[in-house]
Protein backbone atom coordinates (compact mmCIF):
# COMPACT_ATOMS: atom_id res chain seq x y z
CA UNK A 1 0.00 0.00 0.00
CA UNK A 2 3.02 2.22 0.49
CA UNK A 3 3.86 2.15 -3.24
CA UNK A 4 0.26 3.02 -4.16
CA UNK A 5 0.41 5.98 -1.78
CA UNK A 6 3.59 7.24 -3.42
CA UNK A 7 2.04 6.93 -6.89
CA UNK A 8 -1.18 8.72 -5.90
CA UNK A 9 0.74 11.46 -4.07
CA UNK A 10 3.09 12.08 -7.00
CA UNK A 11 0.18 12.10 -9.46
CA UNK A 12 -1.66 14.69 -7.37
CA UNK A 13 1.37 16.94 -6.98
CA UNK A 14 2.16 16.67 -10.71
CA UNK A 15 -1.38 17.67 -11.63
CA UNK A 16 -1.20 20.67 -9.28
CA UNK A 17 2.18 21.64 -10.73
CA UNK A 18 0.94 21.41 -14.30
CA UNK A 19 -2.09 23.52 -13.39
CA UNK A 20 0.10 26.20 -11.82
CA UNK A 21 2.26 26.27 -14.95
CA UNK A 22 -0.80 26.75 -17.13
CA UNK A 23 -0.76 23.30 -18.68
CA UNK A 24 -3.89 21.34 -17.89
CA UNK A 25 -3.97 17.78 -19.23
CA UNK A 26 -6.97 17.20 -21.50
CA UNK A 27 -8.00 14.09 -19.57
CA UNK A 28 -8.62 16.20 -16.46
CA UNK A 29 -10.73 18.96 -18.01
CA UNK A 30 -13.88 17.39 -16.55
CA UNK A 31 -12.92 18.84 -13.15
CA UNK A 32 -13.10 22.39 -14.53
CA UNK A 33 -16.82 22.00 -15.24
CA UNK A 34 -17.60 22.22 -11.52
CA UNK A 35 -15.58 25.38 -10.93
CA UNK A 36 -12.14 26.17 -9.57
CA UNK A 37 -13.00 25.48 -5.92
CA UNK A 38 -14.10 21.91 -6.61
CA UNK A 39 -11.19 21.47 -9.04
CA UNK A 40 -8.66 22.41 -6.36
CA UNK A 41 -10.55 20.41 -3.75
CA UNK A 42 -10.22 17.24 -5.82
CA UNK A 43 -6.52 17.82 -6.46
CA UNK A 44 -5.71 18.50 -2.80
CA UNK A 45 -7.80 15.50 -1.71
CA UNK A 46 -5.81 13.24 -4.05
CA UNK A 47 -2.55 14.47 -2.50
CA UNK A 48 -3.89 13.94 1.04
CA UNK A 49 -5.17 10.44 0.21
CA UNK A 50 -1.79 9.54 -1.28
CA UNK A 51 0.02 10.74 1.82
CA UNK A 52 -2.40 8.84 4.07
CA UNK A 53 -1.94 5.62 2.08
CA UNK A 54 1.82 6.02 2.37
CA UNK A 55 1.70 6.58 6.13
CA UNK A 56 -0.76 3.74 6.78
CA UNK A 57 1.25 1.42 4.55
CA UNK A 58 4.40 2.22 6.52
CA UNK A 59 2.70 1.46 9.83
CA UNK A 60 1.31 -1.84 8.58
CA UNK A 61 4.76 -3.03 7.51
CA UNK A 62 6.50 -2.21 10.75
PDB file of N, CA and C in Angstrom:
ATOM      1  N   UNK A   1       0.828  -1.178   0.000  1.00  0.00           N
ATOM      2  CA  UNK A   1       0.000   0.000   0.000  1.00  0.00           C
ATOM      3  C   UNK A   1       0.883   1.256   0.000  1.00  0.00           C
ATOM      4  N   UNK A   2       2.096   1.097   0.440  1.00  0.00           N
ATOM      5  CA  UNK A   2       3.021   2.217   0.491  1.00  0.00           C
ATOM      6  C   UNK A   2       3.350   2.721  -0.921  1.00  0.00           C
ATOM      7  N   UNK A   3       3.546   1.793  -1.851  1.00  0.00           N
ATOM      8  CA  UNK A   3       3.857   2.151  -3.236  1.00  0.00           C
ATOM      9  C   UNK A   3       2.669   2.865  -3.876  1.00  0.00           C
ATOM     10  N   UNK A   4       1.460   2.377  -3.627  1.00  0.00           N
ATOM     11  CA  UNK A   4       0.258   3.023  -4.162  1.00  0.00           C
ATOM     12  C   UNK A   4       0.141   4.447  -3.626  1.00  0.00           C
ATOM     13  N   UNK A   5       0.446   4.645  -2.367  1.00  0.00           N
ATOM     14  CA  UNK A   5       0.414   5.975  -1.775  1.00  0.00           C
ATOM     15  C   UNK A   5       1.394   6.922  -2.442  1.00  0.00           C
ATOM     16  N   UNK A   6       2.589   6.422  -2.731  1.00  0.00           N
ATOM     17  CA  UNK A   6       3.593   7.244  -3.416  1.00  0.00           C
ATOM     18  C   UNK A   6       3.100   7.635  -4.809  1.00  0.00           C
ATOM     19  N   UNK A   7       2.534   6.671  -5.529  1.00  0.00           N
ATOM     20  CA  UNK A   7       2.043   6.932  -6.887  1.00  0.00           C
ATOM     21  C   UNK A   7       0.920   7.964  -6.870  1.00  0.00           C
ATOM     22  N   UNK A   8      -0.049   7.793  -5.985  1.00  0.00           N
ATOM     23  CA  UNK A   8      -1.181   8.719  -5.901  1.00  0.00           C
ATOM     24  C   UNK A   8      -0.698  10.107  -5.487  1.00  0.00           C
ATOM     25  N   UNK A   9       0.204  10.176  -4.521  1.00  0.00           N
ATOM     26  CA  UNK A   9       0.744  11.457  -4.066  1.00  0.00           C
ATOM     27  C   UNK A   9       1.480  12.176  -5.197  1.00  0.00           C
ATOM     28  N   UNK A  10       2.338  11.459  -5.897  1.00  0.00           N
ATOM     29  CA  UNK A  10       3.091  12.076  -6.996  1.00  0.00           C
ATOM     30  C   UNK A  10       2.172  12.510  -8.135  1.00  0.00           C
ATOM     31  N   UNK A  11       1.143  11.717  -8.428  1.00  0.00           N
ATOM     32  CA  UNK A  11       0.184  12.104  -9.458  1.00  0.00           C
ATOM     33  C   UNK A  11      -0.524  13.404  -9.070  1.00  0.00           C
ATOM     34  N   UNK A  12      -0.962  13.492  -7.829  1.00  0.00           N
ATOM     35  CA  UNK A  12      -1.656  14.691  -7.366  1.00  0.00           C
ATOM     36  C   UNK A  12      -0.772  15.927  -7.409  1.00  0.00           C
ATOM     37  N   UNK A  13       0.468  15.792  -6.959  1.00  0.00           N
ATOM     38  CA  UNK A  13       1.369  16.940  -6.982  1.00  0.00           C
ATOM     39  C   UNK A  13       1.736  17.332  -8.413  1.00  0.00           C
ATOM     40  N   UNK A  14       1.861  16.362  -9.305  1.00  0.00           N
ATOM     41  CA  UNK A  14       2.155  16.668 -10.705  1.00  0.00           C
ATOM     42  C   UNK A  14       0.995  17.420 -11.350  1.00  0.00           C
ATOM     43  N   UNK A  15      -0.221  16.993 -11.070  1.00  0.00           N
ATOM     44  CA  UNK A  15      -1.384  17.673 -11.635  1.00  0.00           C
ATOM     45  C   UNK A  15      -1.467  19.109 -11.124  1.00  0.00           C
ATOM     46  N   UNK A  16      -1.204  19.309  -9.838  1.00  0.00           N
ATOM     47  CA  UNK A  16      -1.204  20.667  -9.278  1.00  0.00           C
ATOM     48  C   UNK A  16      -0.096  21.501  -9.927  1.00  0.00           C
ATOM     49  N   UNK A  17       1.073  20.921 -10.092  1.00  0.00           N
ATOM     50  CA  UNK A  17       2.182  21.639 -10.728  1.00  0.00           C
ATOM     51  C   UNK A  17       1.876  22.026 -12.161  1.00  0.00           C
ATOM     52  N   UNK A  18       1.303  21.096 -12.920  1.00  0.00           N
ATOM     53  CA  UNK A  18       0.935  21.409 -14.300  1.00  0.00           C
ATOM     54  C   UNK A  18      -0.104  22.521 -14.355  1.00  0.00           C
ATOM     55  N   UNK A  19      -1.050  22.494 -13.425  1.00  0.00           N
ATOM     56  CA  UNK A  19      -2.085  23.521 -13.394  1.00  0.00           C
ATOM     57  C   UNK A  19      -1.483  24.891 -13.079  1.00  0.00           C
ATOM     58  N   UNK A  20      -0.543  24.932 -12.154  1.00  0.00           N
ATOM     59  CA  UNK A  20       0.095  26.204 -11.816  1.00  0.00           C
ATOM     60  C   UNK A  20       0.937  26.747 -12.967  1.00  0.00           C
ATOM     61  N   UNK A  21       1.477  25.856 -13.790  1.00  0.00           N
ATOM     62  CA  UNK A  21       2.263  26.273 -14.948  1.00  0.00           C
ATOM     63  C   UNK A  21       1.399  26.640 -16.145  1.00  0.00           C
ATOM     64  N   UNK A  22       0.107  26.402 -16.042  1.00  0.00           N
ATOM     65  CA  UNK A  22      -0.801  26.745 -17.133  1.00  0.00           C
ATOM     66  C   UNK A  22      -1.040  25.624 -18.112  1.00  0.00           C
ATOM     67  N   UNK A  23      -0.552  24.449 -17.815  1.00  0.00           N
ATOM     68  CA  UNK A  23      -0.756  23.303 -18.682  1.00  0.00           C
ATOM     69  C   UNK A  23      -1.693  22.328 -17.978  1.00  0.00           C
ATOM     70  N   UNK A  24      -2.911  22.261 -18.470  1.00  0.00           N
ATOM     71  CA  UNK A  24      -3.891  21.339 -17.891  1.00  0.00           C
ATOM     72  C   UNK A  24      -4.061  20.153 -18.836  1.00  0.00           C
ATOM     73  N   UNK A  25      -3.780  18.946 -18.371  1.00  0.00           N
ATOM     74  CA  UNK A  25      -3.966  17.775 -19.227  1.00  0.00           C
ATOM     75  C   UNK A  25      -5.432  17.647 -19.677  1.00  0.00           C
ATOM     76  N   UNK A  26      -5.624  17.304 -20.932  1.00  0.00           N
ATOM     77  CA  UNK A  26      -6.971  17.201 -21.502  1.00  0.00           C
ATOM     78  C   UNK A  26      -7.832  16.189 -20.763  1.00  0.00           C
ATOM     79  N   UNK A  27      -7.232  15.139 -20.248  1.00  0.00           N
ATOM     80  CA  UNK A  27      -8.000  14.091 -19.570  1.00  0.00           C
ATOM     81  C   UNK A  27      -8.607  14.582 -18.263  1.00  0.00           C
ATOM     82  N   UNK A  28      -8.125  15.704 -17.742  1.00  0.00           N
ATOM     83  CA  UNK A  28      -8.616  16.201 -16.463  1.00  0.00           C
ATOM     84  C   UNK A  28      -9.484  17.450 -16.597  1.00  0.00           C
ATOM     85  N   UNK A  29      -9.892  17.785 -17.799  1.00  0.00           N
ATOM     86  CA  UNK A  29     -10.731  18.963 -18.009  1.00  0.00           C
ATOM     87  C   UNK A  29     -12.123  18.815 -17.411  1.00  0.00           C
ATOM     88  N   UNK A  30     -12.549  17.592 -17.129  1.00  0.00           N
ATOM     89  CA  UNK A  30     -13.878  17.391 -16.555  1.00  0.00           C
ATOM     90  C   UNK A  30     -13.998  18.042 -15.173  1.00  0.00           C
ATOM     91  N   UNK A  31     -12.877  18.219 -14.471  1.00  0.00           N
ATOM     92  CA  UNK A  31     -12.924  18.840 -13.155  1.00  0.00           C
ATOM     93  C   UNK A  31     -13.235  20.333 -13.256  1.00  0.00           C
ATOM     94  N   UNK A  32     -12.857  20.965 -14.351  1.00  0.00           N
ATOM     95  CA  UNK A  32     -13.101  22.395 -14.527  1.00  0.00           C
ATOM     96  C   UNK A  32     -14.578  22.724 -14.677  1.00  0.00           C
ATOM     97  N   UNK A  33     -15.381  21.756 -15.044  1.00  0.00           N
ATOM     98  CA  UNK A  33     -16.817  21.995 -15.242  1.00  0.00           C
ATOM     99  C   UNK A  33     -17.510  22.367 -13.939  1.00  0.00           C
ATOM    100  N   UNK A  34     -16.974  21.965 -12.811  1.00  0.00           N
ATOM    101  CA  UNK A  34     -17.604  22.224 -11.523  1.00  0.00           C
ATOM    102  C   UNK A  34     -17.077  23.484 -10.859  1.00  0.00           C
ATOM    103  N   UNK A  35     -16.128  24.153 -11.485  1.00  0.00           N
ATOM    104  CA  UNK A  35     -15.576  25.380 -10.926  1.00  0.00           C
ATOM    105  C   UNK A  35     -14.199  25.155 -10.320  1.00  0.00           C
ATOM    106  N   UNK A  36     -13.515  26.252 -10.080  1.00  0.00           N
ATOM    107  CA  UNK A  36     -12.144  26.169  -9.574  1.00  0.00           C
ATOM    108  C   UNK A  36     -12.059  25.645  -8.145  1.00  0.00           C
ATOM    109  N   UNK A  37     -13.049  25.949  -7.312  1.00  0.00           N
ATOM    110  CA  UNK A  37     -12.997  25.480  -5.925  1.00  0.00           C
ATOM    111  C   UNK A  37     -13.063  23.962  -5.852  1.00  0.00           C
ATOM    112  N   UNK A  38     -13.977  23.377  -6.602  1.00  0.00           N
ATOM    113  CA  UNK A  38     -14.096  21.913  -6.612  1.00  0.00           C
ATOM    114  C   UNK A  38     -12.875  21.297  -7.289  1.00  0.00           C
ATOM    115  N   UNK A  39     -12.384  21.937  -8.335  1.00  0.00           N
ATOM    116  CA  UNK A  39     -11.193  21.468  -9.039  1.00  0.00           C
ATOM    117  C   UNK A  39     -10.008  21.363  -8.076  1.00  0.00           C
ATOM    118  N   UNK A  40      -9.753  22.426  -7.321  1.00  0.00           N
ATOM    119  CA  UNK A  40      -8.662  22.408  -6.361  1.00  0.00           C
ATOM    120  C   UNK A  40      -8.940  21.446  -5.215  1.00  0.00           C
ATOM    121  N   UNK A  41     -10.192  21.343  -4.813  1.00  0.00           N
ATOM    122  CA  UNK A  41     -10.548  20.407  -3.749  1.00  0.00           C
ATOM    123  C   UNK A  41     -10.225  18.970  -4.119  1.00  0.00           C
ATOM    124  N   UNK A  42     -10.520  18.597  -5.355  1.00  0.00           N
ATOM    125  CA  UNK A  42     -10.222  17.237  -5.818  1.00  0.00           C
ATOM    126  C   UNK A  42      -8.714  17.012  -5.842  1.00  0.00           C
ATOM    127  N   UNK A  43      -7.974  17.966  -6.354  1.00  0.00           N
ATOM    128  CA  UNK A  43      -6.515  17.817  -6.458  1.00  0.00           C
ATOM    129  C   UNK A  43      -5.865  17.694  -5.078  1.00  0.00           C
ATOM    130  N   UNK A  44      -6.277  18.544  -4.150  1.00  0.00           N
ATOM    131  CA  UNK A  44      -5.706  18.501  -2.801  1.00  0.00           C
ATOM    132  C   UNK A  44      -6.111  17.210  -2.093  1.00  0.00           C
ATOM    133  N   UNK A  45      -7.347  16.759  -2.318  1.00  0.00           N
ATOM    134  CA  UNK A  45      -7.795  15.504  -1.715  1.00  0.00           C
ATOM    135  C   UNK A  45      -6.974  14.321  -2.216  1.00  0.00           C
ATOM    136  N   UNK A  46      -6.632  14.318  -3.502  1.00  0.00           N
ATOM    137  CA  UNK A  46      -5.807  13.238  -4.052  1.00  0.00           C
ATOM    138  C   UNK A  46      -4.440  13.228  -3.378  1.00  0.00           C
ATOM    139  N   UNK A  47      -3.858  14.397  -3.166  1.00  0.00           N
ATOM    140  CA  UNK A  47      -2.551  14.474  -2.496  1.00  0.00           C
ATOM    141  C   UNK A  47      -2.659  13.969  -1.059  1.00  0.00           C
ATOM    142  N   UNK A  48      -3.708  14.366  -0.355  1.00  0.00           N
ATOM    143  CA  UNK A  48      -3.891  13.936   1.037  1.00  0.00           C
ATOM    144  C   UNK A  48      -4.119  12.430   1.122  1.00  0.00           C
ATOM    145  N   UNK A  49      -4.924  11.886   0.214  1.00  0.00           N
ATOM    146  CA  UNK A  49      -5.172  10.437   0.210  1.00  0.00           C
ATOM    147  C   UNK A  49      -3.878   9.680  -0.076  1.00  0.00           C
ATOM    148  N   UNK A  50      -3.081  10.181  -0.997  1.00  0.00           N
ATOM    149  CA  UNK A  50      -1.793   9.544  -1.285  1.00  0.00           C
ATOM    150  C   UNK A  50      -0.875   9.538  -0.081  1.00  0.00           C
ATOM    151  N   UNK A  51      -0.814  10.661   0.619  1.00  0.00           N
ATOM    152  CA  UNK A  51       0.024  10.737   1.822  1.00  0.00           C
ATOM    153  C   UNK A  51      -0.497   9.805   2.911  1.00  0.00           C
ATOM    154  N   UNK A  52      -1.816   9.729   3.049  1.00  0.00           N
ATOM    155  CA  UNK A  52      -2.401   8.843   4.069  1.00  0.00           C
ATOM    156  C   UNK A  52      -2.119   7.377   3.739  1.00  0.00           C
ATOM    157  N   UNK A  53      -2.239   7.002   2.481  1.00  0.00           N
ATOM    158  CA  UNK A  53      -1.936   5.623   2.080  1.00  0.00           C
ATOM    159  C   UNK A  53      -0.473   5.285   2.365  1.00  0.00           C
ATOM    160  N   UNK A  54       0.407   6.233   2.098  1.00  0.00           N
ATOM    161  CA  UNK A  54       1.822   6.016   2.368  1.00  0.00           C
ATOM    162  C   UNK A  54       2.080   5.814   3.861  1.00  0.00           C
ATOM    163  N   UNK A  55       1.484   6.680   4.679  1.00  0.00           N
ATOM    164  CA  UNK A  55       1.697   6.577   6.125  1.00  0.00           C
ATOM    165  C   UNK A  55       1.099   5.308   6.713  1.00  0.00           C
ATOM    166  N   UNK A  56      -0.105   4.960   6.288  1.00  0.00           N
ATOM    167  CA  UNK A  56      -0.755   3.742   6.784  1.00  0.00           C
ATOM    168  C   UNK A  56       0.005   2.501   6.305  1.00  0.00           C
ATOM    169  N   UNK A  57       0.457   2.543   5.068  1.00  0.00           N
ATOM    170  CA  UNK A  57       1.253   1.421   4.548  1.00  0.00           C
ATOM    171  C   UNK A  57       2.537   1.227   5.304  1.00  0.00           C
ATOM    172  N   UNK A  58       3.157   2.314   5.728  1.00  0.00           N
ATOM    173  CA  UNK A  58       4.396   2.224   6.516  1.00  0.00           C
ATOM    174  C   UNK A  58       4.142   1.652   7.902  1.00  0.00           C
ATOM    175  N   UNK A  59       3.012   1.978   8.505  1.00  0.00           N
ATOM    176  CA  UNK A  59       2.699   1.464   9.834  1.00  0.00           C
ATOM    177  C   UNK A  59       2.320  -0.004   9.783  1.00  0.00           C
ATOM    178  N   UNK A  60       1.692  -0.432   8.692  1.00  0.00           N
ATOM    179  CA  UNK A  60       1.309  -1.841   8.577  1.00  0.00           C
ATOM    180  C   UNK A  60       2.513  -2.738   8.380  1.00  0.00           C
ATOM    181  N   UNK A  61       3.555  -2.230   7.741  1.00  0.00           N
ATOM    182  CA  UNK A  61       4.755  -3.028   7.506  1.00  0.00           C
ATOM    183  C   UNK A  61       5.579  -3.218   8.779  1.00  0.00           C
ATOM    184  N   UNK A  62       5.599  -2.203   9.614  1.00  0.00           N
ATOM    185  CA  UNK A  62       6.503  -2.209  10.748  1.00  0.00           C
ATOM    186  C   UNK A  62       5.920  -2.799  11.959  1.00  0.00           C
TER     187      UNK A  62
END
